[in-house]
Amino acid sequence: MQNAEYSCEYGSMKFYALCGFGGVLSCGLTHTAVVPLDLVKCRMQVDPQKYKGIFNGFSVTLKEDGVRGLAKGWAPTFIGYSMQGLCKFGFYEVFKVLYSNMLGEENAYLWRTSLYLAASASAEFFADIALAPMEAAKVRIQTQPGYANTLRDAAPKMYQEEGLKAFYKGVAPLWMRQIPYTMMKFACFERTVEALYKFVVPKPRSECSKPEQLVVTFVAGYIAGVFCAIVSHPADSVVSVLNKEKGSSASQVLQRLGFRGVWKGLFARIIMIGTLTALQWFIYDSVKVYFRLPRPPPPEMPESLKKKLGLTQ
């Protein structure tokens, strides 16, 4: 039964394709927009003596490379994160439907947080394989002075030096950083939306206008983003150092950075990731609204379960 207000059915191929497209826009655009901030953050992690803080980092970069220097690495960022967004959001919707069908309606409700965690972890596993080659090129371009200025220079050079391994050696640390981050991002977002409608928004979602719903999306996205940043920051520091140094392992880098070292640049990252996550959810949900995709309301307890628990009159 297809409703006139929706352009396709929940869980159809068209639905997943458009969700994937929403993911491309949401990740590709937002990550490309914050390239200057990301560039300074990577440089602070890799060379803290030279780039002492966020503002100092910007001024040093501007002095040395000018305004154009701030956009270094925009191409691999855009391509890499568009691919990652496609897989992350597209597969998240796929796995969410797959896993809830496996669990059945009642368990899917009871175990919904675990469902969000499992679906997002599964999606991110594939998303990182799509992102790894571009992430490796981006870190080289941004943090190795004189290595290469563009993706066209960097990719062939990396392939000559280390073969295909150059592009995928960062995939395990990426999983370490991105999987906990994505699990937080999706589960935290879903539960925050649920809580906001329950405790903060004075009326149910069905009575909220589309713009009002998108404001809730934005707020929930920001809250989720703050938690994301904290959870994944230590691994992020390790990834930045690893890609710069040939031949050192994640555990060696961890030992050398120590407890205080891995939290360097956290404040910058909280602002960056909070804003990013809020914008990503906002863009993703706006795409869903624009294409009239079915957007299921916050989960409610199935009737059959209410009866079992004696909650119905």
Protein backbone atom coordinates (compact mmCIF):
# COMPACT_ATOMS: atom_id res chain seq x y z
CA MET A 1 0.00 0.00 0.00
CA GLN A 2 1.75 3.13 -1.20
CA ASN A 3 0.78 6.36 0.41
CA ALA A 4 0.38 9.45 -1.79
CA GLU A 5 2.56 11.47 0.59
CA TYR A 6 5.55 9.14 0.06
CA SER A 7 7.48 8.71 -3.18
CA CYS A 8 8.46 5.10 -2.46
CA GLU A 9 8.06 2.28 0.03
CA TYR A 10 10.15 1.97 3.19
CA GLY A 11 12.87 -0.60 2.53
CA SER A 12 12.54 -0.57 -1.28
CA MET A 13 15.57 -0.28 -3.58
CA LYS A 14 14.60 3.29 -4.47
CA PHE A 15 14.41 4.12 -0.76
CA TYR A 16 17.94 2.78 -0.12
CA ALA A 17 19.33 4.49 -3.23
CA LEU A 18 17.96 7.87 -2.18
CA CYS A 19 19.19 7.32 1.39
CA GLY A 20 22.62 6.62 -0.05
CA PHE A 21 22.40 9.82 -2.10
CA GLY A 22 21.46 11.71 1.08
CA GLY A 23 24.56 10.20 2.68
CA VAL A 24 26.78 11.34 -0.22
CA LEU A 25 25.56 14.92 0.15
CA SER A 26 25.60 14.93 3.92
CA CYS A 27 29.13 13.56 4.36
CA GLY A 28 30.76 14.88 1.17
CA LEU A 29 29.65 18.47 1.61
CA THR A 30 30.18 18.80 5.35
CA HIS A 31 33.65 17.23 5.43
CA THR A 32 34.77 19.33 2.47
CA ALA A 33 33.46 22.48 4.17
CA VAL A 34 35.64 21.90 7.24
CA VAL A 35 38.84 21.01 5.33
CA PRO A 36 40.74 24.07 6.72
CA LEU A 37 39.86 23.11 10.29
CA ASP A 38 40.69 19.46 9.65
CA LEU A 39 44.00 20.44 8.06
CA VAL A 40 45.05 22.45 11.13
CA LYS A 41 43.87 19.65 13.47
CA CYS A 42 45.94 17.03 11.60
CA ARG A 43 48.99 19.28 11.64
CA MET A 44 48.62 19.94 15.38
CA GLN A 45 48.49 16.18 16.01
CA VAL A 46 51.46 15.43 13.78
CA ASP A 47 53.71 18.41 14.60
CA PRO A 48 52.67 19.95 17.95
CA GLN A 49 55.95 21.88 18.26
CA LYS A 50 55.22 23.88 15.14
CA TYR A 51 51.43 24.15 15.35
CA LYS A 52 50.79 24.99 18.99
CA GLY A 53 47.06 25.54 19.03
CA ILE A 54 44.10 26.03 16.76
CA PHE A 55 44.60 29.79 16.17
CA ASN A 56 48.37 29.54 16.03
CA GLY A 57 47.95 26.65 13.58
CA PHE A 58 45.81 28.79 11.28
CA SER A 59 48.22 31.72 11.33
CA VAL A 60 51.29 29.53 10.68
CA THR A 61 49.51 27.81 7.77
CA LEU A 62 48.36 31.13 6.30
CA LYS A 63 51.86 32.61 6.57
CA GLU A 64 53.48 29.64 4.84
CA ASP A 65 50.91 28.58 2.24
CA GLY A 66 48.52 31.53 1.93
CA VAL A 67 44.74 31.17 1.76
CA ARG A 68 44.92 28.44 -0.89
CA GLY A 69 47.02 26.35 1.49
CA LEU A 70 43.99 26.02 3.77
CA ALA A 71 42.11 24.08 1.10
CA LYS A 72 44.85 21.45 0.69
CA GLY A 73 43.42 17.98 0.44
CA TRP A 74 39.89 19.05 -0.51
CA ALA A 75 39.62 16.60 -3.45
CA PRO A 76 40.42 13.36 -1.60
CA THR A 77 38.25 14.63 1.25
CA PHE A 78 35.27 15.22 -1.03
CA ILE A 79 35.60 11.94 -2.96
CA GLY A 80 36.49 9.83 0.09
CA TYR A 81 33.73 11.11 2.35
CA SER A 82 31.09 11.00 -0.41
CA MET A 83 31.85 7.30 -0.86
CA GLN A 84 31.87 6.85 2.89
CA GLY A 85 28.54 8.66 3.27
CA LEU A 86 26.94 6.54 0.57
CA CYS A 87 27.92 3.35 2.39
CA LYS A 88 27.39 4.66 5.92
CA PHE A 89 23.84 5.98 5.56
CA GLY A 90 22.73 3.62 2.77
CA PHE A 91 23.92 0.45 4.51
CA TYR A 92 22.70 1.69 7.90
CA GLU A 93 19.14 1.74 6.56
CA VAL A 94 19.67 -1.66 4.92
CA PHE A 95 21.08 -3.31 8.08
CA LYS A 96 18.47 -1.65 10.29
CA VAL A 97 15.67 -3.27 8.26
CA LEU A 98 17.58 -6.56 7.96
CA TYR A 99 18.29 -6.85 11.69
CA SER A 100 14.83 -5.77 12.82
CA ASN A 101 13.28 -8.38 10.53
CA MET A 102 15.60 -10.99 12.06
CA LEU A 103 14.59 -9.95 15.58
CA GLY A 104 10.87 -9.59 14.99
CA GLU A 105 8.76 -6.57 15.96
CA GLU A 106 8.81 -6.97 19.74
CA ASN A 107 12.50 -7.69 20.16
CA ALA A 108 13.40 -4.97 17.67
CA TYR A 109 11.67 -2.51 20.01
CA LEU A 110 13.11 -3.90 23.25
CA TRP A 111 16.63 -4.17 21.85
CA ARG A 112 16.45 -1.03 19.70
CA THR A 113 19.65 0.53 21.08
CA SER A 114 21.60 -2.66 20.31
CA LEU A 115 19.94 -2.70 16.89
CA TYR A 116 21.16 0.85 16.14
CA LEU A 117 24.65 -0.09 17.38
CA ALA A 118 24.82 -3.28 15.31
CA ALA A 119 23.41 -1.71 12.13
CA SER A 120 25.74 1.30 12.29
CA ALA A 121 28.82 -0.82 13.06
CA SER A 122 28.05 -3.10 10.09
CA ALA A 123 27.55 -0.13 7.78
CA GLU A 124 30.73 1.62 8.93
CA PHE A 125 32.81 -1.52 8.38
CA PHE A 126 32.11 -1.21 4.65
CA ALA A 127 32.16 2.59 4.62
CA ASP A 128 35.76 2.66 5.89
CA ILE A 129 36.97 0.36 3.15
CA ALA A 130 35.54 2.92 0.72
CA LEU A 131 37.15 5.83 2.58
CA ALA A 132 40.63 4.44 3.38
CA PRO A 133 42.47 5.18 0.07
CA MET A 134 41.35 8.82 0.00
CA GLU A 135 41.98 9.35 3.72
CA ALA A 136 45.55 8.10 3.25
CA ALA A 137 46.12 10.51 0.35
CA LYS A 138 44.55 13.41 2.26
CA VAL A 139 46.79 12.98 5.32
CA ARG A 140 49.89 12.83 3.08
CA ILE A 141 48.90 15.99 1.20
CA GLN A 142 48.07 17.88 4.41
CA THR A 143 50.89 16.86 6.72
CA GLN A 144 53.95 16.05 4.58
CA PRO A 145 55.38 19.32 3.28
CA GLY A 146 56.49 19.04 -0.33
CA TYR A 147 55.07 15.53 -0.80
CA ALA A 148 52.23 16.48 -3.15
CA ASN A 149 49.75 19.30 -3.50
CA THR A 150 46.93 17.52 -5.28
CA LEU A 151 45.33 14.10 -5.41
CA ARG A 152 46.61 13.68 -8.99
CA ASP A 153 50.20 14.04 -7.74
CA ALA A 154 49.77 12.07 -4.53
CA ALA A 155 48.01 8.88 -5.67
CA PRO A 156 50.53 7.71 -8.33
CA LYS A 157 53.44 8.59 -6.04
CA MET A 158 51.99 6.57 -3.15
CA TYR A 159 51.37 3.63 -5.48
CA GLN A 160 54.97 3.71 -6.75
CA GLU A 161 56.41 3.83 -3.23
CA GLU A 162 54.33 1.23 -1.43
CA GLY A 163 51.89 -0.28 -3.93
CA LEU A 164 48.24 -0.83 -2.98
CA LYS A 165 49.23 -1.25 0.66
CA ALA A 166 49.80 2.51 0.88
CA PHE A 167 46.08 3.09 0.43
CA TYR A 168 44.77 0.43 2.77
CA LYS A 169 47.32 0.27 5.59
CA GLY A 170 45.21 2.80 7.51
CA VAL A 171 42.01 0.73 7.36
CA ALA A 172 42.40 -1.01 10.74
CA PRO A 173 43.08 2.23 12.67
CA LEU A 174 40.21 3.77 10.68
CA TRP A 175 37.91 1.01 11.95
CA MET A 176 39.20 1.70 15.49
CA ARG A 177 38.33 5.37 15.10
CA GLN A 178 35.21 5.28 12.94
CA ILE A 179 33.28 2.25 14.18
CA PRO A 180 32.92 3.46 17.81
CA TYR A 181 32.29 6.95 16.41
CA THR A 182 29.53 5.80 14.05
CA MET A 183 27.92 3.56 16.67
CA MET A 184 27.77 6.60 18.97
CA LYS A 185 26.61 8.85 16.15
CA PHE A 186 23.64 6.72 15.14
CA ALA A 187 22.55 5.21 18.47
CA CYS A 188 22.97 8.49 20.34
CA PHE A 189 21.10 10.37 17.63
CA GLU A 190 18.20 7.92 17.50
CA ARG A 191 17.78 7.86 21.29
CA THR A 192 18.19 11.65 21.60
CA VAL A 193 15.48 12.26 18.99
CA GLU A 194 13.25 9.85 20.91
CA ALA A 195 13.98 11.63 24.21
CA LEU A 196 13.50 15.12 22.74
CA TYR A 197 10.03 14.27 21.41
CA LYS A 198 9.16 12.58 24.68
CA PHE A 199 10.42 15.16 27.20
CA VAL A 200 11.27 18.45 25.44
CA VAL A 201 9.04 19.01 22.39
CA PRO A 202 5.55 19.92 23.66
CA LYS A 203 3.65 18.00 20.93
CA PRO A 204 4.05 14.60 19.19
CA ARG A 205 6.14 14.44 16.00
CA SER A 206 3.10 13.86 13.78
CA GLU A 207 1.84 17.33 14.77
CA CYS A 208 5.20 19.08 14.16
CA SER A 209 5.79 20.81 10.84
CA LYS A 210 8.68 19.66 8.63
CA PRO A 211 10.91 22.64 9.63
CA GLU A 212 10.19 21.95 13.32
CA GLN A 213 11.15 18.30 12.84
CA LEU A 214 14.39 19.37 11.17
CA VAL A 215 15.27 21.60 14.14
CA VAL A 216 14.89 18.56 16.43
CA THR A 217 17.12 16.64 14.00
CA PHE A 218 19.78 19.37 14.21
CA VAL A 219 19.77 19.56 18.02
CA ALA A 220 19.91 15.78 18.42
CA GLY A 221 22.72 15.67 15.86
CA TYR A 222 24.81 18.18 17.81
CA ILE A 223 24.34 16.34 21.11
CA ALA A 224 25.30 13.06 19.45
CA GLY A 225 28.32 14.75 17.88
CA VAL A 226 29.79 15.85 21.21
CA PHE A 227 29.73 12.25 22.50
CA CYS A 228 31.17 11.02 19.19
CA ALA A 229 34.13 13.36 19.40
CA ILE A 230 35.07 12.23 22.89
CA VAL A 231 34.72 8.51 22.15
CA SER A 232 36.84 8.52 19.01
CA HIS A 233 39.46 11.17 19.74
CA PRO A 234 42.32 8.96 21.03
CA ALA A 235 42.13 6.76 17.92
CA ASP A 236 41.99 9.86 15.73
CA SER A 237 45.28 11.10 17.17
CA VAL A 238 46.86 7.70 16.49
CA VAL A 239 45.61 7.62 12.87
CA SER A 240 47.09 11.06 12.15
CA VAL A 241 50.52 10.12 13.51
CA LEU A 242 50.49 6.66 11.88
CA ASN A 243 49.85 7.90 8.36
CA LYS A 244 52.74 10.33 8.66
CA GLU A 245 55.31 7.81 9.89
CA LYS A 246 56.35 4.84 7.84
CA GLY A 247 56.84 1.61 9.72
CA SER A 248 55.46 2.35 13.18
CA SER A 249 52.53 0.41 14.64
CA ALA A 250 49.42 1.68 16.42
CA SER A 251 50.56 0.33 19.81
CA GLN A 252 53.97 2.00 19.53
CA VAL A 253 52.35 5.34 18.72
CA LEU A 254 49.94 4.93 21.66
CA GLN A 255 52.79 4.28 24.09
CA ARG A 256 54.70 7.27 22.83
CA LEU A 257 51.78 9.71 22.93
CA GLY A 258 50.71 8.63 26.42
CA PHE A 259 47.42 9.50 28.12
CA ARG A 260 47.69 13.28 27.76
CA GLY A 261 49.01 13.14 24.20
CA VAL A 262 46.02 11.32 22.77
CA TRP A 263 43.61 14.02 24.04
CA LYS A 264 45.44 16.86 22.26
CA GLY A 265 43.14 18.95 20.10
CA LEU A 266 39.95 17.58 21.69
CA PHE A 267 38.23 20.96 22.10
CA ALA A 268 38.71 21.81 18.43
CA ARG A 269 37.38 18.40 17.53
CA ILE A 270 34.28 18.68 19.75
CA ILE A 271 33.31 21.92 17.98
CA MET A 272 34.13 20.45 14.60
CA ILE A 273 32.41 17.09 15.07
CA GLY A 274 29.41 18.55 16.91
CA THR A 275 28.70 20.98 14.09
CA LEU A 276 29.50 18.35 11.45
CA THR A 277 27.22 15.70 12.92
CA ALA A 278 24.38 18.19 13.37
CA LEU A 279 24.72 19.36 9.76
CA GLN A 280 25.02 15.81 8.44
CA TRP A 281 21.81 14.68 10.08
CA PHE A 282 20.14 17.92 9.01
CA ILE A 283 21.16 17.46 5.34
CA TYR A 284 20.33 13.75 5.41
CA ASP A 285 16.87 14.36 6.86
CA SER A 286 16.26 17.29 4.49
CA VAL A 287 17.03 15.01 1.52
CA LYS A 288 14.50 12.53 2.91
CA VAL A 289 11.91 15.31 3.25
CA TYR A 290 12.68 16.69 -0.22
CA PHE A 291 12.31 13.31 -1.95
CA ARG A 292 9.27 12.46 0.21
CA LEU A 293 10.86 9.34 1.65
CA PRO A 294 9.03 7.52 4.43
CA ARG A 295 10.48 8.65 7.78
CA PRO A 296 9.20 6.33 10.50
CA PRO A 297 8.23 8.18 13.71
CA PRO A 298 10.18 7.57 16.95
CA PRO A 299 9.71 3.93 17.99
CA GLU A 300 6.73 2.99 20.10
CA MET A 301 6.03 -0.20 21.96
CA PRO A 302 4.21 -2.72 19.73
CA GLU A 303 0.62 -3.47 20.82
CA SER A 304 1.39 -7.19 21.29
CA LEU A 305 4.13 -6.30 23.77
CA LYS A 306 1.90 -3.88 25.66
CA LYS A 307 -0.60 -6.71 26.12
CA LYS A 308 2.11 -9.07 27.37
CA LEU A 309 3.31 -6.52 29.87
CA GLY A 310 -0.25 -5.77 30.95
CA LEU A 311 -0.02 -2.11 29.90
CA THR A 312 -3.24 -2.05 27.88
CA GLN A 313 -6.58 -1.53 29.50
